[in-house]
Amino acid sequence: MRLISRSPDETERVGFRIGRLLAAGDVVKLYGDLGAGKTTMIKGIARAFGIERDKVISPSFTIITEYEATPRFVHVDLYRIEGGIDLASTGFRDCFDDHSVVVVEWPEHGGDELPEDAVVVRITNTGLEEREIVIEGIDEEAWHNL
């Protein structure tokens, strides 16, 4: 599915809709350049689980941030990871279980450590505030019925 967002608010609303379709055990791989709107998207996804948007920050230095929600919401940022050794020391593998929703920024830094069966979201800057958002792995019929 391909969408156009014309503002950060629209990007967050798309994230909220994605979040509404996620369940425990789901993983989202979120791709995009610096400044593409990944954290804004995650704020929307987290809001779908009752997490206040201002509580969500990019965990670039902590790598993994867990939020109290049902199911547990885990935000992972692999921007600073450089290879499997660094990743293994983070507790990264422990994030993936049947009781959590995990959203991973910079999944390309995770190599083979990420589950293949995941929702994939790609955000591309197409203008000053305009973004193209491509979503794979979401049921389009369910999306349109939200």
N, C-alpha and C. Protein backbone atom coordinates (compact mmCIF):
# COMPACT_ATOMS: atom_id res chain seq x y z
N MET A 1 0.85 -1.15 0.00
CA MET A 1 0.00 0.00 0.00
C MET A 1 0.90 1.23 0.00
N ARG A 2 0.55 2.23 -0.77
CA ARG A 2 1.35 3.45 -0.91
C ARG A 2 0.46 4.64 -0.54
N LEU A 3 0.97 5.48 0.39
CA LEU A 3 0.25 6.65 0.86
C LEU A 3 1.13 7.89 0.75
N ILE A 4 0.52 9.04 0.73
CA ILE A 4 1.25 10.31 0.78
C ILE A 4 0.83 11.04 2.04
N SER A 5 1.82 11.49 2.82
CA SER A 5 1.59 12.31 3.99
C SER A 5 2.10 13.71 3.68
N ARG A 6 1.31 14.70 4.00
CA ARG A 6 1.69 16.08 3.71
C ARG A 6 2.06 16.88 4.96
N SER A 7 2.13 16.18 6.12
CA SER A 7 2.51 16.87 7.35
C SER A 7 2.91 15.83 8.40
N PRO A 8 3.63 16.28 9.43
CA PRO A 8 3.94 15.37 10.52
C PRO A 8 2.67 14.81 11.18
N ASP A 9 1.63 15.62 11.30
CA ASP A 9 0.38 15.12 11.89
C ASP A 9 -0.20 13.97 11.06
N GLU A 10 -0.16 14.11 9.74
CA GLU A 10 -0.66 13.03 8.87
C GLU A 10 0.19 11.78 9.03
N THR A 11 1.51 11.94 9.13
CA THR A 11 2.40 10.79 9.32
C THR A 11 2.07 10.09 10.63
N GLU A 12 1.83 10.87 11.66
CA GLU A 12 1.47 10.28 12.96
C GLU A 12 0.13 9.55 12.87
N ARG A 13 -0.82 10.12 12.14
CA ARG A 13 -2.12 9.44 11.99
C ARG A 13 -1.98 8.12 11.24
N VAL A 14 -1.11 8.07 10.24
CA VAL A 14 -0.85 6.80 9.53
C VAL A 14 -0.28 5.80 10.53
N GLY A 15 0.66 6.25 11.37
CA GLY A 15 1.22 5.37 12.39
C GLY A 15 0.15 4.84 13.33
N PHE A 16 -0.77 5.71 13.74
CA PHE A 16 -1.85 5.29 14.62
C PHE A 16 -2.68 4.18 13.97
N ARG A 17 -2.98 4.35 12.70
CA ARG A 17 -3.77 3.34 11.99
C ARG A 17 -3.01 2.02 11.89
N ILE A 18 -1.70 2.10 11.64
CA ILE A 18 -0.89 0.88 11.62
C ILE A 18 -0.96 0.21 13.00
N GLY A 19 -0.78 1.02 14.04
CA GLY A 19 -0.83 0.48 15.40
C GLY A 19 -2.13 -0.22 15.72
N ARG A 20 -3.23 0.32 15.22
CA ARG A 20 -4.55 -0.29 15.46
C ARG A 20 -4.65 -1.70 14.87
N LEU A 21 -3.80 -1.99 13.87
CA LEU A 21 -3.85 -3.30 13.21
C LEU A 21 -2.80 -4.28 13.73
N LEU A 22 -2.01 -3.85 14.70
CA LEU A 22 -0.96 -4.71 15.25
C LEU A 22 -1.46 -5.45 16.49
N ALA A 23 -0.83 -6.60 16.74
CA ALA A 23 -1.17 -7.42 17.91
C ALA A 23 0.12 -7.96 18.52
N ALA A 24 -0.01 -8.49 19.72
CA ALA A 24 1.14 -9.08 20.40
C ALA A 24 1.84 -10.06 19.47
N GLY A 25 3.17 -9.98 19.44
CA GLY A 25 3.97 -10.83 18.57
C GLY A 25 4.36 -10.18 17.26
N ASP A 26 3.74 -9.05 16.93
CA ASP A 26 4.04 -8.37 15.67
C ASP A 26 5.32 -7.55 15.77
N VAL A 27 6.01 -7.48 14.63
CA VAL A 27 7.23 -6.69 14.50
C VAL A 27 7.05 -5.76 13.31
N VAL A 28 7.47 -4.51 13.47
CA VAL A 28 7.45 -3.54 12.38
C VAL A 28 8.89 -3.13 12.09
N LYS A 29 9.30 -3.26 10.84
CA LYS A 29 10.60 -2.77 10.39
C LYS A 29 10.34 -1.43 9.72
N LEU A 30 10.97 -0.38 10.26
CA LEU A 30 10.70 0.98 9.80
C LEU A 30 11.95 1.57 9.15
N TYR A 31 11.88 1.76 7.83
CA TYR A 31 12.99 2.27 7.04
C TYR A 31 12.77 3.74 6.68
N GLY A 32 13.85 4.49 6.62
CA GLY A 32 13.79 5.89 6.20
C GLY A 32 15.07 6.59 6.56
N ASP A 33 15.42 7.58 5.77
CA ASP A 33 16.62 8.36 6.04
C ASP A 33 16.44 9.19 7.31
N LEU A 34 17.53 9.78 7.79
CA LEU A 34 17.45 10.72 8.91
C LEU A 34 16.46 11.84 8.54
N GLY A 35 15.57 12.14 9.45
CA GLY A 35 14.60 13.21 9.21
C GLY A 35 13.40 12.81 8.38
N ALA A 36 13.28 11.53 8.06
CA ALA A 36 12.16 11.08 7.22
C ALA A 36 10.83 11.08 7.97
N GLY A 37 10.87 11.00 9.29
CA GLY A 37 9.63 10.96 10.06
C GLY A 37 9.40 9.65 10.78
N LYS A 38 10.46 8.87 10.97
CA LYS A 38 10.31 7.57 11.63
C LYS A 38 9.80 7.72 13.07
N THR A 39 10.39 8.63 13.83
CA THR A 39 9.95 8.79 15.21
C THR A 39 8.51 9.32 15.26
N THR A 40 8.16 10.20 14.36
CA THR A 40 6.78 10.69 14.28
C THR A 40 5.83 9.53 14.00
N MET A 41 6.20 8.65 13.10
CA MET A 41 5.39 7.46 12.80
C MET A 41 5.25 6.60 14.05
N ILE A 42 6.33 6.42 14.78
CA ILE A 42 6.30 5.57 15.98
C ILE A 42 5.43 6.20 17.06
N LYS A 43 5.43 7.51 17.17
CA LYS A 43 4.54 8.18 18.12
C LYS A 43 3.08 7.80 17.84
N GLY A 44 2.72 7.73 16.56
CA GLY A 44 1.37 7.34 16.20
C GLY A 44 1.08 5.88 16.51
N ILE A 45 2.03 5.01 16.20
CA ILE A 45 1.86 3.59 16.51
C ILE A 45 1.69 3.41 18.02
N ALA A 46 2.55 4.05 18.79
CA ALA A 46 2.50 3.94 20.26
C ALA A 46 1.18 4.47 20.81
N ARG A 47 0.67 5.53 20.22
CA ARG A 47 -0.60 6.12 20.67
C ARG A 47 -1.74 5.10 20.56
N ALA A 48 -1.65 4.21 19.56
CA ALA A 48 -2.67 3.17 19.40
C ALA A 48 -2.67 2.20 20.57
N PHE A 49 -1.58 2.19 21.35
CA PHE A 49 -1.48 1.32 22.53
C PHE A 49 -1.64 2.10 23.83
N GLY A 50 -2.12 3.34 23.71
CA GLY A 50 -2.39 4.15 24.88
C GLY A 50 -1.18 4.88 25.44
N ILE A 51 -0.10 4.94 24.68
CA ILE A 51 1.11 5.62 25.13
C ILE A 51 1.05 7.07 24.64
N GLU A 52 1.25 8.01 25.54
CA GLU A 52 1.20 9.42 25.18
C GLU A 52 2.33 9.76 24.22
N ARG A 53 2.01 10.53 23.19
CA ARG A 53 2.97 10.84 22.14
C ARG A 53 4.23 11.51 22.67
N ASP A 54 4.09 12.36 23.71
CA ASP A 54 5.27 13.07 24.21
C ASP A 54 6.18 12.17 25.05
N LYS A 55 5.73 10.97 25.37
CA LYS A 55 6.56 10.00 26.09
C LYS A 55 7.50 9.25 25.14
N VAL A 56 7.21 9.28 23.86
CA VAL A 56 7.99 8.51 22.88
C VAL A 56 9.13 9.37 22.36
N ILE A 57 10.34 8.88 22.59
CA ILE A 57 11.54 9.55 22.07
C ILE A 57 12.37 8.53 21.32
N SER A 58 13.23 8.99 20.45
CA SER A 58 14.07 8.08 19.70
C SER A 58 15.17 7.54 20.62
N PRO A 59 15.26 6.22 20.78
CA PRO A 59 16.25 5.64 21.68
C PRO A 59 17.61 5.43 21.02
N SER A 60 18.11 6.45 20.32
CA SER A 60 19.37 6.31 19.59
C SER A 60 20.53 5.90 20.48
N PHE A 61 20.55 6.38 21.72
CA PHE A 61 21.66 6.06 22.60
C PHE A 61 21.36 4.88 23.51
N THR A 62 20.08 4.69 23.86
CA THR A 62 19.73 3.56 24.71
C THR A 62 19.45 2.30 23.90
N ILE A 63 19.20 2.44 22.64
CA ILE A 63 18.91 1.40 21.65
C ILE A 63 17.53 0.80 21.84
N ILE A 64 17.16 0.43 23.06
CA ILE A 64 15.87 -0.22 23.30
C ILE A 64 15.11 0.54 24.38
N THR A 65 13.86 0.91 24.07
CA THR A 65 12.99 1.53 25.07
C THR A 65 11.71 0.71 25.12
N GLU A 66 11.35 0.30 26.33
CA GLU A 66 10.12 -0.46 26.54
C GLU A 66 9.09 0.45 27.20
N TYR A 67 7.84 0.31 26.78
CA TYR A 67 6.75 1.10 27.32
C TYR A 67 5.70 0.17 27.92
N GLU A 68 5.16 0.58 29.05
CA GLU A 68 4.08 -0.17 29.68
C GLU A 68 2.83 -0.01 28.84
N ALA A 69 2.36 -1.09 28.32
CA ALA A 69 1.14 -1.11 27.52
C ALA A 69 0.70 -2.57 27.43
N THR A 70 -0.48 -2.77 26.92
CA THR A 70 -0.96 -4.13 26.66
C THR A 70 -1.32 -4.21 25.20
N PRO A 71 -0.54 -4.98 24.41
CA PRO A 71 0.68 -5.68 24.79
C PRO A 71 1.83 -4.71 25.05
N ARG A 72 2.92 -5.23 25.62
CA ARG A 72 4.13 -4.43 25.85
C ARG A 72 4.58 -3.83 24.51
N PHE A 73 4.99 -2.58 24.53
CA PHE A 73 5.43 -1.89 23.32
C PHE A 73 6.92 -1.62 23.44
N VAL A 74 7.68 -2.06 22.43
CA VAL A 74 9.14 -1.92 22.45
C VAL A 74 9.57 -1.14 21.21
N HIS A 75 10.35 -0.10 21.45
CA HIS A 75 10.88 0.75 20.37
C HIS A 75 12.39 0.52 20.34
N VAL A 76 12.89 0.05 19.19
CA VAL A 76 14.30 -0.26 19.03
C VAL A 76 14.87 0.65 17.94
N ASP A 77 16.02 1.26 18.22
CA ASP A 77 16.70 2.09 17.24
C ASP A 77 18.10 1.54 17.03
N LEU A 78 18.35 0.97 15.86
CA LEU A 78 19.63 0.32 15.57
C LEU A 78 20.61 1.23 14.84
N TYR A 79 20.36 2.52 14.83
CA TYR A 79 21.19 3.45 14.08
C TYR A 79 22.67 3.33 14.47
N ARG A 80 22.95 3.18 15.74
CA ARG A 80 24.33 3.16 16.21
C ARG A 80 24.94 1.76 16.28
N ILE A 81 24.22 0.75 15.86
CA ILE A 81 24.74 -0.63 15.90
C ILE A 81 25.66 -0.87 14.72
N GLU A 82 26.78 -1.51 15.02
CA GLU A 82 27.76 -1.80 13.96
C GLU A 82 28.14 -3.27 14.01
N GLY A 83 27.25 -4.13 13.57
CA GLY A 83 27.58 -5.55 13.48
C GLY A 83 26.95 -6.37 14.57
N GLY A 84 26.98 -7.69 14.39
CA GLY A 84 26.33 -8.63 15.28
C GLY A 84 26.83 -8.62 16.71
N ILE A 85 28.11 -8.33 16.93
CA ILE A 85 28.64 -8.34 18.29
C ILE A 85 27.98 -7.25 19.13
N ASP A 86 27.90 -6.04 18.62
CA ASP A 86 27.23 -4.95 19.33
C ASP A 86 25.78 -5.29 19.60
N LEU A 87 25.11 -5.85 18.61
CA LEU A 87 23.70 -6.17 18.73
C LEU A 87 23.47 -7.23 19.80
N ALA A 88 24.31 -8.22 19.85
CA ALA A 88 24.16 -9.29 20.83
C ALA A 88 24.25 -8.77 22.27
N SER A 89 25.02 -7.73 22.49
CA SER A 89 25.21 -7.20 23.85
C SER A 89 24.06 -6.32 24.34
N THR A 90 23.08 -6.05 23.50
CA THR A 90 22.01 -5.11 23.86
C THR A 90 20.79 -5.76 24.51
N GLY A 91 20.67 -7.08 24.45
CA GLY A 91 19.46 -7.74 24.89
C GLY A 91 18.38 -7.71 23.82
N PHE A 92 18.79 -7.36 22.62
CA PHE A 92 17.91 -7.20 21.47
C PHE A 92 17.04 -8.43 21.23
N ARG A 93 17.63 -9.61 21.29
CA ARG A 93 16.88 -10.84 20.99
C ARG A 93 15.73 -11.07 21.97
N ASP A 94 15.88 -10.56 23.18
CA ASP A 94 14.86 -10.75 24.21
C ASP A 94 13.60 -9.93 23.95
N CYS A 95 13.66 -8.99 23.03
CA CYS A 95 12.50 -8.13 22.73
C CYS A 95 11.40 -8.88 22.00
N PHE A 96 11.78 -9.89 21.24
CA PHE A 96 10.84 -10.55 20.34
C PHE A 96 10.19 -11.73 21.05
N ASP A 97 8.92 -11.54 21.38
CA ASP A 97 8.16 -12.61 22.02
C ASP A 97 6.69 -12.45 21.63
N ASP A 98 5.89 -13.36 22.11
CA ASP A 98 4.46 -13.35 21.78
C ASP A 98 3.66 -12.37 22.61
N HIS A 99 4.35 -11.61 23.49
CA HIS A 99 3.65 -10.69 24.38
C HIS A 99 3.94 -9.23 24.07
N SER A 100 4.67 -8.98 22.98
CA SER A 100 5.12 -7.62 22.69
C SER A 100 4.87 -7.23 21.24
N VAL A 101 4.73 -5.94 21.02
CA VAL A 101 4.80 -5.36 19.69
C VAL A 101 6.13 -4.63 19.65
N VAL A 102 6.94 -4.91 18.63
CA VAL A 102 8.27 -4.33 18.53
C VAL A 102 8.37 -3.53 17.23
N VAL A 103 8.78 -2.26 17.35
CA VAL A 103 9.01 -1.42 16.18
C VAL A 103 10.50 -1.12 16.12
N VAL A 104 11.12 -1.42 14.97
CA VAL A 104 12.57 -1.29 14.82
C VAL A 104 12.91 -0.24 13.77
N GLU A 105 13.57 0.83 14.22
CA GLU A 105 14.14 1.81 13.29
C GLU A 105 15.50 1.30 12.83
N TRP A 106 15.86 1.61 11.60
CA TRP A 106 17.14 1.19 11.00
C TRP A 106 17.29 -0.33 11.03
N PRO A 107 16.28 -1.09 10.61
CA PRO A 107 16.37 -2.55 10.67
C PRO A 107 17.49 -3.12 9.80
N GLU A 108 17.94 -2.35 8.81
CA GLU A 108 19.03 -2.83 7.97
C GLU A 108 20.31 -3.04 8.77
N HIS A 109 20.41 -2.44 9.96
CA HIS A 109 21.58 -2.63 10.82
C HIS A 109 21.47 -3.91 11.65
N GLY A 110 20.32 -4.56 11.58
CA GLY A 110 20.09 -5.77 12.37
C GLY A 110 20.47 -7.06 11.66
N GLY A 111 20.82 -6.97 10.39
CA GLY A 111 21.22 -8.16 9.66
C GLY A 111 20.17 -9.25 9.71
N ASP A 112 20.61 -10.46 10.01
CA ASP A 112 19.71 -11.62 10.06
C ASP A 112 19.03 -11.78 11.41
N GLU A 113 19.23 -10.84 12.31
CA GLU A 113 18.70 -10.96 13.66
C GLU A 113 17.21 -10.63 13.75
N LEU A 114 16.67 -9.99 12.74
CA LEU A 114 15.25 -9.60 12.78
C LEU A 114 14.38 -10.68 12.15
N PRO A 115 13.19 -10.85 12.70
CA PRO A 115 12.25 -11.81 12.09
C PRO A 115 11.91 -11.40 10.66
N GLU A 116 11.81 -12.39 9.79
CA GLU A 116 11.45 -12.09 8.39
C GLU A 116 9.98 -11.74 8.26
N ASP A 117 9.15 -12.36 9.08
CA ASP A 117 7.71 -12.12 9.03
C ASP A 117 7.39 -10.85 9.81
N ALA A 118 7.45 -9.72 9.15
CA ALA A 118 7.25 -8.43 9.81
C ALA A 118 6.50 -7.50 8.88
N VAL A 119 5.87 -6.51 9.49
CA VAL A 119 5.30 -5.42 8.71
C VAL A 119 6.48 -4.53 8.32
N VAL A 120 6.53 -4.11 7.08
CA VAL A 120 7.60 -3.25 6.59
C VAL A 120 7.01 -1.90 6.21
N VAL A 121 7.59 -0.83 6.76
CA VAL A 121 7.16 0.52 6.45
C VAL A 121 8.38 1.28 5.94
N ARG A 122 8.24 1.89 4.78
CA ARG A 122 9.32 2.70 4.20
C ARG A 122 8.80 4.13 4.04
N ILE A 123 9.54 5.08 4.61
CA ILE A 123 9.18 6.49 4.52
C ILE A 123 10.24 7.19 3.69
N THR A 124 9.79 7.91 2.67
CA THR A 124 10.70 8.64 1.79
C THR A 124 10.29 10.09 1.73
N ASN A 125 11.25 11.00 1.94
CA ASN A 125 10.99 12.43 1.78
C ASN A 125 10.71 12.71 0.30
N THR A 126 9.61 13.37 0.02
CA THR A 126 9.30 13.74 -1.36
C THR A 126 9.09 15.25 -1.50
N GLY A 127 9.26 15.97 -0.41
CA GLY A 127 9.10 17.42 -0.41
C GLY A 127 9.44 17.94 0.97
N LEU A 128 9.25 19.21 1.19
CA LEU A 128 9.61 19.82 2.47
C LEU A 128 8.96 19.08 3.63
N GLU A 129 7.67 18.87 3.58
CA GLU A 129 6.96 18.10 4.62
C GLU A 129 6.25 16.88 4.06
N GLU A 130 6.30 16.70 2.75
CA GLU A 130 5.60 15.58 2.13
C GLU A 130 6.44 14.30 2.22
N ARG A 131 5.78 13.19 2.52
CA ARG A 131 6.42 11.89 2.62
C ARG A 131 5.61 10.87 1.84
N GLU A 132 6.34 9.98 1.16
CA GLU A 132 5.69 8.80 0.60
C GLU A 132 5.88 7.68 1.61
N ILE A 133 4.79 7.01 1.95
CA ILE A 133 4.83 5.93 2.93
C ILE A 133 4.35 4.66 2.23
N VAL A 134 5.22 3.66 2.19
CA VAL A 134 4.89 2.37 1.60
C VAL A 134 4.81 1.36 2.72
N ILE A 135 3.69 0.66 2.79
CA ILE A 135 3.44 -0.30 3.86
C ILE A 135 3.24 -1.68 3.25
N GLU A 136 3.98 -2.66 3.75
CA GLU A 136 3.84 -4.05 3.32
C GLU A 136 3.51 -4.90 4.54
N GLY A 137 2.62 -5.85 4.38
CA GLY A 137 2.31 -6.77 5.47
C GLY A 137 1.11 -6.39 6.30
N ILE A 138 0.39 -5.36 5.88
CA ILE A 138 -0.85 -4.95 6.56
C ILE A 138 -2.01 -5.36 5.66
N ASP A 139 -3.03 -5.90 6.26
CA ASP A 139 -4.23 -6.30 5.52
C ASP A 139 -4.93 -5.03 5.02
N GLU A 140 -4.92 -4.83 3.70
CA GLU A 140 -5.50 -3.59 3.14
C GLU A 140 -7.00 -3.49 3.40
N GLU A 141 -7.70 -4.60 3.40
CA GLU A 141 -9.14 -4.55 3.68
C GLU A 141 -9.37 -4.07 5.11
N ALA A 142 -8.59 -4.59 6.05
CA ALA A 142 -8.71 -4.15 7.45
C ALA A 142 -8.35 -2.67 7.56
N TRP A 143 -7.33 -2.23 6.81
CA TRP A 143 -6.92 -0.83 6.82
C TRP A 143 -8.08 0.08 6.40
N HIS A 144 -8.78 -0.31 5.34
CA HIS A 144 -9.86 0.52 4.83
C HIS A 144 -11.11 0.45 5.71
N ASN A 145 -11.18 -0.58 6.56
CA ASN A 145 -12.33 -0.72 7.45
C ASN A 145 -12.13 -0.02 8.80
N LEU A 146 -10.95 0.57 9.02
CA LEU A 146 -10.70 1.29 10.29
C LEU A 146 -11.57 2.54 10.38
